[in-house]
Amino acid sequence: MKMHLPARAPNEGARLLARWVMGLSGGIAEAAQVMGTGADRVQRMVEGNMVPGLDVGTRLSRRIGVKARDFHAAPAGGWFDAAEPLAQAA
């Protein structure tokens, strides 16, 4: 199953989740296995149609640092923006 990204990241949690999934060799199927849920649910989280429950949320927090509040926060950038801004030389 391929991960489909909407035009804009719906929330920060979805953005961080998608960035993690893109880095996995097995993609969304591997992410679903690690999270202990189905690939369709991972896709719904990326689309912003679903937030993780306690079990999946705990796994996400421990594995990649995504918190429940991230799924309710505005995205800090676009899908492919760097995770942290680069420091500019003086």
PDB file of N, CA and C in Angstrom:
ATOM      1  N   MET A   1       0.852  -1.182   0.000  1.00  0.00           N
ATOM      2  CA  MET A   1       0.000   0.000   0.000  1.00  0.00           C
ATOM      3  C   MET A   1       0.892   1.238   0.000  1.00  0.00           C
ATOM      4  N   LYS A   2       0.591   2.170  -0.873  1.00  0.00           N
ATOM      5  CA  LYS A   2       1.333   3.422  -0.939  1.00  0.00           C
ATOM      6  C   LYS A   2       0.710   4.452  -0.014  1.00  0.00           C
ATOM      7  N   MET A   3       1.550   5.297   0.557  1.00  0.00           N
ATOM      8  CA  MET A   3       1.053   6.389   1.376  1.00  0.00           C
ATOM      9  C   MET A   3       0.679   7.545   0.456  1.00  0.00           C
ATOM     10  N   HIS A   4      -0.502   8.100   0.668  1.00  0.00           N
ATOM     11  CA  HIS A   4      -0.962   9.238  -0.119  1.00  0.00           C
ATOM     12  C   HIS A   4      -0.980  10.466   0.784  1.00  0.00           C
ATOM     13  N   LEU A   5      -0.363  11.552   0.310  1.00  0.00           N
ATOM     14  CA  LEU A   5      -0.296  12.785   1.081  1.00  0.00           C
ATOM     15  C   LEU A   5      -1.272  13.807   0.511  1.00  0.00           C
ATOM     16  N   PRO A   6      -2.098  14.418   1.373  1.00  0.00           N
ATOM     17  CA  PRO A   6      -2.934  15.519   0.905  1.00  0.00           C
ATOM     18  C   PRO A   6      -2.042  16.701   0.493  1.00  0.00           C
ATOM     19  N   ALA A   7      -2.616  17.700  -0.143  1.00  0.00           N
ATOM     20  CA  ALA A   7      -1.840  18.852  -0.606  1.00  0.00           C
ATOM     21  C   ALA A   7      -1.090  19.528   0.537  1.00  0.00           C
ATOM     22  N   ARG A   8      -1.742  19.668   1.687  1.00  0.00           N
ATOM     23  CA  ARG A   8      -1.117  20.290   2.859  1.00  0.00           C
ATOM     24  C   ARG A   8      -1.165  19.330   4.029  1.00  0.00           C
ATOM     25  N   ALA A   9      -0.167  19.436   4.886  1.00  0.00           N
ATOM     26  CA  ALA A   9      -0.179  18.631   6.114  1.00  0.00           C
ATOM     27  C   ALA A   9      -1.317  19.119   7.004  1.00  0.00           C
ATOM     28  N   PRO A  10      -2.208  18.235   7.447  1.00  0.00           N
ATOM     29  CA  PRO A  10      -3.345  18.667   8.257  1.00  0.00           C
ATOM     30  C   PRO A  10      -2.977  19.084   9.677  1.00  0.00           C
ATOM     31  N   ASN A  11      -1.914  18.488  10.211  1.00  0.00           N
ATOM     32  CA  ASN A  11      -1.484  18.815  11.571  1.00  0.00           C
ATOM     33  C   ASN A  11      -0.036  18.367  11.732  1.00  0.00           C
ATOM     34  N   GLU A  12       0.585  18.782  12.825  1.00  0.00           N
ATOM     35  CA  GLU A  12       1.991  18.464  13.054  1.00  0.00           C
ATOM     36  C   GLU A  12       2.214  16.977  13.277  1.00  0.00           C
ATOM     37  N   GLY A  13       1.282  16.310  13.941  1.00  0.00           N
ATOM     38  CA  GLY A  13       1.414  14.873  14.160  1.00  0.00           C
ATOM     39  C   GLY A  13       1.430  14.107  12.846  1.00  0.00           C
ATOM     40  N   ALA A  14       0.537  14.459  11.934  1.00  0.00           N
ATOM     41  CA  ALA A  14       0.483  13.810  10.625  1.00  0.00           C
ATOM     42  C   ALA A  14       1.771  14.068   9.846  1.00  0.00           C
ATOM     43  N   ARG A  15       2.287  15.281   9.921  1.00  0.00           N
ATOM     44  CA  ARG A  15       3.517  15.632   9.214  1.00  0.00           C
ATOM     45  C   ARG A  15       4.698  14.816   9.724  1.00  0.00           C
ATOM     46  N   LEU A  16       4.838  14.725  11.042  1.00  0.00           N
ATOM     47  CA  LEU A  16       5.941  13.963  11.630  1.00  0.00           C
ATOM     48  C   LEU A  16       5.791  12.471  11.356  1.00  0.00           C
ATOM     49  N   LEU A  17       4.563  11.975  11.422  1.00  0.00           N
ATOM     50  CA  LEU A  17       4.304  10.569  11.128  1.00  0.00           C
ATOM     51  C   LEU A  17       4.682  10.256   9.683  1.00  0.00           C
ATOM     52  N   ALA A  18       4.276  11.088   8.748  1.00  0.00           N
ATOM     53  CA  ALA A  18       4.582  10.866   7.338  1.00  0.00           C
ATOM     54  C   ALA A  18       6.085  10.894   7.088  1.00  0.00           C
ATOM     55  N   ARG A  19       6.795  11.812   7.737  1.00  0.00           N
ATOM     56  CA  ARG A  19       8.254  11.880   7.571  1.00  0.00           C
ATOM     57  C   ARG A  19       8.911  10.586   8.061  1.00  0.00           C
ATOM     58  N   TRP A  20       8.403  10.034   9.143  1.00  0.00           N
ATOM     59  CA  TRP A  20       8.941   8.776   9.668  1.00  0.00           C
ATOM     60  C   TRP A  20       8.652   7.629   8.701  1.00  0.00           C
ATOM     61  N   VAL A  21       7.414   7.561   8.215  1.00  0.00           N
ATOM     62  CA  VAL A  21       7.023   6.496   7.289  1.00  0.00           C
ATOM     63  C   VAL A  21       7.879   6.557   6.026  1.00  0.00           C
ATOM     64  N   MET A  22       8.149   7.756   5.517  1.00  0.00           N
ATOM     65  CA  MET A  22       8.965   7.900   4.302  1.00  0.00           C
ATOM     66  C   MET A  22      10.377   7.360   4.500  1.00  0.00           C
ATOM     67  N   GLY A  23      10.858   7.361   5.722  1.00  0.00           N
ATOM     68  CA  GLY A  23      12.202   6.874   5.995  1.00  0.00           C
ATOM     69  C   GLY A  23      12.296   5.369   6.199  1.00  0.00           C
ATOM     70  N   LEU A  24      11.175   4.696   6.276  1.00  0.00           N
ATOM     71  CA  LEU A  24      11.168   3.244   6.476  1.00  0.00           C
ATOM     72  C   LEU A  24      11.286   2.525   5.142  1.00  0.00           C
ATOM     73  N   SER A  25      12.047   1.465   5.114  1.00  0.00           N
ATOM     74  CA  SER A  25      12.201   0.716   3.856  1.00  0.00           C
ATOM     75  C   SER A  25      10.901   0.024   3.455  1.00  0.00           C
ATOM     76  N   GLY A  26      10.095  -0.379   4.444  1.00  0.00           N
ATOM     77  CA  GLY A  26       8.838  -1.063   4.163  1.00  0.00           C
ATOM     78  C   GLY A  26       7.648  -0.132   4.066  1.00  0.00           C
ATOM     79  N   GLY A  27       7.892   1.172   4.189  1.00  0.00           N
ATOM     80  CA  GLY A  27       6.830   2.159   4.044  1.00  0.00           C
ATOM     81  C   GLY A  27       5.698   2.014   5.039  1.00  0.00           C
ATOM     82  N   ILE A  28       4.501   2.226   4.552  1.00  0.00           N
ATOM     83  CA  ILE A  28       3.326   2.274   5.416  1.00  0.00           C
ATOM     84  C   ILE A  28       3.023   0.913   6.040  1.00  0.00           C
ATOM     85  N   ALA A  29       3.339  -0.175   5.335  1.00  0.00           N
ATOM     86  CA  ALA A  29       3.112  -1.518   5.890  1.00  0.00           C
ATOM     87  C   ALA A  29       4.015  -1.764   7.099  1.00  0.00           C
ATOM     88  N   GLU A  30       5.269  -1.350   7.000  1.00  0.00           N
ATOM     89  CA  GLU A  30       6.195  -1.502   8.120  1.00  0.00           C
ATOM     90  C   GLU A  30       5.772  -0.624   9.294  1.00  0.00           C
ATOM     91  N   ALA A  31       5.349   0.601   8.994  1.00  0.00           N
ATOM     92  CA  ALA A  31       4.889   1.509  10.047  1.00  0.00           C
ATOM     93  C   ALA A  31       3.701   0.915  10.783  1.00  0.00           C
ATOM     94  N   ALA A  32       2.768   0.345  10.040  1.00  0.00           N
ATOM     95  CA  ALA A  32       1.582  -0.269  10.656  1.00  0.00           C
ATOM     96  C   ALA A  32       1.980  -1.417  11.562  1.00  0.00           C
ATOM     97  N   GLN A  33       2.934  -2.213  11.121  1.00  0.00           N
ATOM     98  CA  GLN A  33       3.385  -3.348  11.925  1.00  0.00           C
ATOM     99  C   GLN A  33       4.042  -2.864  13.219  1.00  0.00           C
ATOM    100  N   VAL A  34       4.899  -1.860  13.125  1.00  0.00           N
ATOM    101  CA  VAL A  34       5.581  -1.312  14.299  1.00  0.00           C
ATOM    102  C   VAL A  34       4.567  -0.701  15.269  1.00  0.00           C
ATOM    103  N   MET A  35       3.562  -0.020  14.708  1.00  0.00           N
ATOM    104  CA  MET A  35       2.560   0.654  15.535  1.00  0.00           C
ATOM    105  C   MET A  35       1.500  -0.296  16.066  1.00  0.00           C
ATOM    106  N   GLY A  36       1.425  -1.509  15.526  1.00  0.00           N
ATOM    107  CA  GLY A  36       0.430  -2.469  15.979  1.00  0.00           C
ATOM    108  C   GLY A  36      -0.974  -2.138  15.517  1.00  0.00           C
ATOM    109  N   THR A  37      -1.089  -1.632  14.293  1.00  0.00           N
ATOM    110  CA  THR A  37      -2.383  -1.257  13.744  1.00  0.00           C
ATOM    111  C   THR A  37      -2.384  -1.567  12.254  1.00  0.00           C
ATOM    112  N   GLY A  38      -3.472  -1.277  11.575  1.00  0.00           N
ATOM    113  CA  GLY A  38      -3.563  -1.527  10.145  1.00  0.00           C
ATOM    114  C   GLY A  38      -3.013  -0.380   9.318  1.00  0.00           C
ATOM    115  N   ALA A  39      -2.593  -0.699   8.101  1.00  0.00           N
ATOM    116  CA  ALA A  39      -2.063   0.323   7.195  1.00  0.00           C
ATOM    117  C   ALA A  39      -3.119   1.371   6.871  1.00  0.00           C
ATOM    118  N   ASP A  40      -4.383   0.968   6.796  1.00  0.00           N
ATOM    119  CA  ASP A  40      -5.450   1.930   6.515  1.00  0.00           C
ATOM    120  C   ASP A  40      -5.573   2.958   7.634  1.00  0.00           C
ATOM    121  N   ARG A  41      -5.335   2.558   8.859  1.00  0.00           N
ATOM    122  CA  ARG A  41      -5.386   3.496   9.987  1.00  0.00           C
ATOM    123  C   ARG A  41      -4.212   4.463   9.969  1.00  0.00           C
ATOM    124  N   VAL A  42      -3.049   3.968   9.587  1.00  0.00           N
ATOM    125  CA  VAL A  42      -1.882   4.853   9.466  1.00  0.00           C
ATOM    126  C   VAL A  42      -2.177   5.901   8.397  1.00  0.00           C
ATOM    127  N   GLN A  43      -2.743   5.471   7.269  1.00  0.00           N
ATOM    128  CA  GLN A  43      -3.088   6.397   6.200  1.00  0.00           C
ATOM    129  C   GLN A  43      -4.086   7.448   6.686  1.00  0.00           C
ATOM    130  N   ARG A  44      -5.078   7.037   7.454  1.00  0.00           N
ATOM    131  CA  ARG A  44      -6.066   7.986   7.971  1.00  0.00           C
ATOM    132  C   ARG A  44      -5.433   8.991   8.926  1.00  0.00           C
ATOM    133  N   MET A  45      -4.426   8.564   9.704  1.00  0.00           N
ATOM    134  CA  MET A  45      -3.718   9.499  10.584  1.00  0.00           C
ATOM    135  C   MET A  45      -2.936  10.514   9.764  1.00  0.00           C
ATOM    136  N   VAL A  46      -2.303  10.065   8.687  1.00  0.00           N
ATOM    137  CA  VAL A  46      -1.554  10.967   7.818  1.00  0.00           C
ATOM    138  C   VAL A  46      -2.491  11.971   7.154  1.00  0.00           C
ATOM    139  N   GLU A  47      -3.679  11.535   6.784  1.00  0.00           N
ATOM    140  CA  GLU A  47      -4.652  12.421   6.143  1.00  0.00           C
ATOM    141  C   GLU A  47      -5.305  13.390   7.128  1.00  0.00           C
ATOM    142  N   GLY A  48      -5.150  13.131   8.423  1.00  0.00           N
ATOM    143  CA  GLY A  48      -5.746  13.999   9.430  1.00  0.00           C
ATOM    144  C   GLY A  48      -7.172  13.621   9.780  1.00  0.00           C
ATOM    145  N   ASN A  49      -7.629  12.450   9.332  1.00  0.00           N
ATOM    146  CA  ASN A  49      -8.989  11.990   9.601  1.00  0.00           C
ATOM    147  C   ASN A  49      -9.100  11.194  10.887  1.00  0.00           C
ATOM    148  N   MET A  50      -7.974  10.920  11.527  1.00  0.00           N
ATOM    149  CA  MET A  50      -7.981  10.072  12.716  1.00  0.00           C
ATOM    150  C   MET A  50      -6.782  10.440  13.588  1.00  0.00           C
ATOM    151  N   VAL A  51      -6.971  10.396  14.880  1.00  0.00           N
ATOM    152  CA  VAL A  51      -5.848  10.563  15.809  1.00  0.00           C
ATOM    153  C   VAL A  51      -5.606   9.223  16.483  1.00  0.00           C
ATOM    154  N   PRO A  52      -4.362   8.928  16.840  1.00  0.00           N
ATOM    155  CA  PRO A  52      -4.082   7.630  17.451  1.00  0.00           C
ATOM    156  C   PRO A  52      -4.696   7.506  18.838  1.00  0.00           C
ATOM    157  N   GLY A  53      -5.088   6.288  19.170  1.00  0.00           N
ATOM    158  CA  GLY A  53      -5.576   6.003  20.506  1.00  0.00           C
ATOM    159  C   GLY A  53      -4.402   5.841  21.465  1.00  0.00           C
ATOM    160  N   LEU A  54      -4.698   5.432  22.672  1.00  0.00           N
ATOM    161  CA  LEU A  54      -3.672   5.332  23.714  1.00  0.00           C
ATOM    162  C   LEU A  54      -2.552   4.357  23.351  1.00  0.00           C
ATOM    163  N   ASP A  55      -2.896   3.145  22.900  1.00  0.00           N
ATOM    164  CA  ASP A  55      -1.870   2.147  22.585  1.00  0.00           C
ATOM    165  C   ASP A  55      -0.957   2.606  21.450  1.00  0.00           C
ATOM    166  N   VAL A  56      -1.561   3.005  20.344  1.00  0.00           N
ATOM    167  CA  VAL A  56      -0.785   3.440  19.178  1.00  0.00           C
ATOM    168  C   VAL A  56      -0.056   4.746  19.491  1.00  0.00           C
ATOM    169  N   GLY A  57      -0.704   5.650  20.197  1.00  0.00           N
ATOM    170  CA  GLY A  57      -0.082   6.916  20.565  1.00  0.00           C
ATOM    171  C   GLY A  57       1.143   6.721  21.434  1.00  0.00           C
ATOM    172  N   THR A  58       1.074   5.769  22.356  1.00  0.00           N
ATOM    173  CA  THR A  58       2.223   5.471  23.213  1.00  0.00           C
ATOM    174  C   THR A  58       3.378   4.926  22.394  1.00  0.00           C
ATOM    175  N   ARG A  59       3.073   4.034  21.450  1.00  0.00           N
ATOM    176  CA  ARG A  59       4.132   3.491  20.586  1.00  0.00           C
ATOM    177  C   ARG A  59       4.774   4.589  19.746  1.00  0.00           C
ATOM    178  N   LEU A  60       3.949   5.491  19.215  1.00  0.00           N
ATOM    179  CA  LEU A  60       4.478   6.598  18.414  1.00  0.00           C
ATOM    180  C   LEU A  60       5.356   7.515  19.261  1.00  0.00           C
ATOM    181  N   SER A  61       4.917   7.793  20.454  1.00  0.00           N
ATOM    182  CA  SER A  61       5.680   8.672  21.333  1.00  0.00           C
ATOM    183  C   SER A  61       7.042   8.068  21.667  1.00  0.00           C
ATOM    184  N   ARG A  62       7.051   6.791  21.970  1.00  0.00           N
ATOM    185  CA  ARG A  62       8.312   6.127  22.328  1.00  0.00           C
ATOM    186  C   ARG A  62       9.218   5.940  21.123  1.00  0.00           C
ATOM    187  N   ARG A  63       8.623   5.658  19.975  1.00  0.00           N
ATOM    188  CA  ARG A  63       9.412   5.347  18.778  1.00  0.00           C
ATOM    189  C   ARG A  63       9.955   6.592  18.076  1.00  0.00           C
ATOM    190  N   ILE A  64       9.096   7.604  17.873  1.00  0.00           N
ATOM    191  CA  ILE A  64       9.532   8.768  17.091  1.00  0.00           C
ATOM    192  C   ILE A  64       9.299  10.104  17.791  1.00  0.00           C
ATOM    193  N   GLY A  65       8.759  10.085  18.984  1.00  0.00           N
ATOM    194  CA  GLY A  65       8.605  11.319  19.748  1.00  0.00           C
ATOM    195  C   GLY A  65       7.367  12.134  19.431  1.00  0.00           C
ATOM    196  N   VAL A  66       6.431  11.583  18.668  1.00  0.00           N
ATOM    197  CA  VAL A  66       5.191  12.298  18.345  1.00  0.00           C
ATOM    198  C   VAL A  66       4.260  12.208  19.546  1.00  0.00           C
ATOM    199  N   LYS A  67       3.769  13.329  19.993  1.00  0.00           N
ATOM    200  CA  LYS A  67       2.865  13.391  21.143  1.00  0.00           C
ATOM    201  C   LYS A  67       1.423  13.548  20.665  1.00  0.00           C
ATOM    202  N   ALA A  68       0.478  13.232  21.519  1.00  0.00           N
ATOM    203  CA  ALA A  68      -0.941  13.365  21.185  1.00  0.00           C
ATOM    204  C   ALA A  68      -1.275  14.807  20.819  1.00  0.00           C
ATOM    205  N   ARG A  69      -0.674  15.754  21.495  1.00  0.00           N
ATOM    206  CA  ARG A  69      -0.965  17.162  21.218  1.00  0.00           C
ATOM    207  C   ARG A  69      -0.530  17.574  19.818  1.00  0.00           C
ATOM    208  N   ASP A  70       0.445  16.856  19.235  1.00  0.00           N
ATOM    209  CA  ASP A  70       0.902  17.175  17.882  1.00  0.00           C
ATOM    210  C   ASP A  70      -0.200  16.972  16.849  1.00  0.00           C
ATOM    211  N   PHE A  71      -1.126  16.056  17.121  1.00  0.00           N
ATOM    212  CA  PHE A  71      -2.219  15.792  16.188  1.00  0.00           C
ATOM    213  C   PHE A  71      -3.313  16.857  16.284  1.00  0.00           C
ATOM    214  N   HIS A  72      -3.161  17.791  17.216  1.00  0.00           N
ATOM    215  CA  HIS A  72      -4.108  18.901  17.360  1.00  0.00           C
ATOM    216  C   HIS A  72      -3.428  20.254  17.112  1.00  0.00           C
ATOM    217  N   ALA A  73      -2.146  20.207  16.743  1.00  0.00           N
ATOM    218  CA  ALA A  73      -1.382  21.441  16.514  1.00  0.00           C
ATOM    219  C   ALA A  73      -1.237  21.707  15.021  1.00  0.00           C
ATOM    220  N   ALA A  74      -1.158  22.971  14.685  1.00  0.00           N
ATOM    221  CA  ALA A  74      -0.938  23.355  13.283  1.00  0.00           C
ATOM    222  C   ALA A  74       0.417  22.810  12.823  1.00  0.00           C
ATOM    223  N   PRO A  75       0.525  22.436  11.551  1.00  0.00           N
ATOM    224  CA  PRO A  75       1.815  21.919  11.067  1.00  0.00           C
ATOM    225  C   PRO A  75       2.901  22.989  11.120  1.00  0.00           C
ATOM    226  N   ALA A  76       4.105  22.572  11.456  1.00  0.00           N
ATOM    227  CA  ALA A  76       5.230  23.505  11.559  1.00  0.00           C
ATOM    228  C   ALA A  76       5.878  23.754  10.205  1.00  0.00           C
ATOM    229  N   GLY A  77       5.346  23.150   9.165  1.00  0.00           N
ATOM    230  CA  GLY A  77       5.885  23.325   7.823  1.00  0.00           C
ATOM    231  C   GLY A  77       5.175  22.409   6.856  1.00  0.00           C
ATOM    232  N   GLY A  78       5.749  22.265   5.686  1.00  0.00           N
ATOM    233  CA  GLY A  78       5.190  21.381   4.675  1.00  0.00           C
ATOM    234  C   GLY A  78       5.687  19.953   4.856  1.00  0.00           C
ATOM    235  N   TRP A  79       5.172  19.068   4.027  1.00  0.00           N
ATOM    236  CA  TRP A  79       5.526  17.652   4.126  1.00  0.00           C
ATOM    237  C   TRP A  79       7.025  17.424   4.062  1.00  0.00           C
ATOM    238  N   PHE A  80       7.708  18.129   3.174  1.00  0.00           N
ATOM    239  CA  PHE A  80       9.119  17.852   2.930  1.00  0.00           C
ATOM    240  C   PHE A  80      10.051  18.885   3.545  1.00  0.00           C
ATOM    241  N   ASP A  81       9.538  19.764   4.389  1.00  0.00           N
ATOM    242  CA  ASP A  81      10.392  20.728   5.080  1.00  0.00           C
ATOM    243  C   ASP A  81      11.245  20.002   6.105  1.00  0.00           C
ATOM    244  N   ALA A  82      12.411  20.544   6.373  1.00  0.00           N
ATOM    245  CA  ALA A  82      13.310  19.949   7.363  1.00  0.00           C
ATOM    246  C   ALA A  82      12.620  19.890   8.720  1.00  0.00           C
ATOM    247  N   ALA A  83      12.964  18.872   9.488  1.00  0.00           N
ATOM    248  CA  ALA A  83      12.348  18.702  10.806  1.00  0.00           C
ATOM    249  C   ALA A  83      12.666  19.873  11.728  1.00  0.00           C
ATOM    250  N   GLU A  84      13.871  20.390  11.633  1.00  0.00           N
ATOM    251  CA  GLU A  84      14.268  21.537  12.444  1.00  0.00           C
ATOM    252  C   GLU A  84      14.921  22.551  11.514  1.00  0.00           C
ATOM    253  N   PRO A  85      14.670  23.840  11.736  1.00  0.00           N
ATOM    254  CA  PRO A  85      15.289  24.834  10.866  1.00  0.00           C
ATOM    255  C   PRO A  85      16.809  24.829  10.996  1.00  0.00           C
ATOM    256  N   LEU A  86      17.468  25.029   9.886  1.00  0.00           N
ATOM    257  CA  LEU A  86      18.936  25.057   9.891  1.00  0.00           C
ATOM    258  C   LEU A  86      19.416  26.382  10.445  1.00  0.00           C
ATOM    259  N   ALA A  87      20.479  26.351  11.225  1.00  0.00           N
ATOM    260  CA  ALA A  87      21.049  27.585  11.778  1.00  0.00           C
ATOM    261  C   ALA A  87      21.758  28.332  10.658  1.00  0.00           C
ATOM    262  N   GLN A  88      21.573  29.613  10.630  1.00  0.00           N
ATOM    263  CA  GLN A  88      22.192  30.443   9.595  1.00  0.00           C
ATOM    264  C   GLN A  88      23.529  30.967  10.090  1.00  0.00           C
ATOM    265  N   ALA A  89      24.519  30.941   9.220  1.00  0.00           N
ATOM    266  CA  ALA A  89      25.847  31.449   9.578  1.00  0.00           C
ATOM    267  C   ALA A  89      25.805  32.980   9.641  1.00  0.00           C
ATOM    268  N   ALA A  90      26.554  33.533  10.564  1.00  0.00           N
ATOM    269  CA  ALA A  90      26.569  34.991  10.723  1.00  0.00           C
ATOM    270  C   ALA A  90      27.480  35.652   9.729  1.00  0.00           C
TER     271      ALA A  90
END
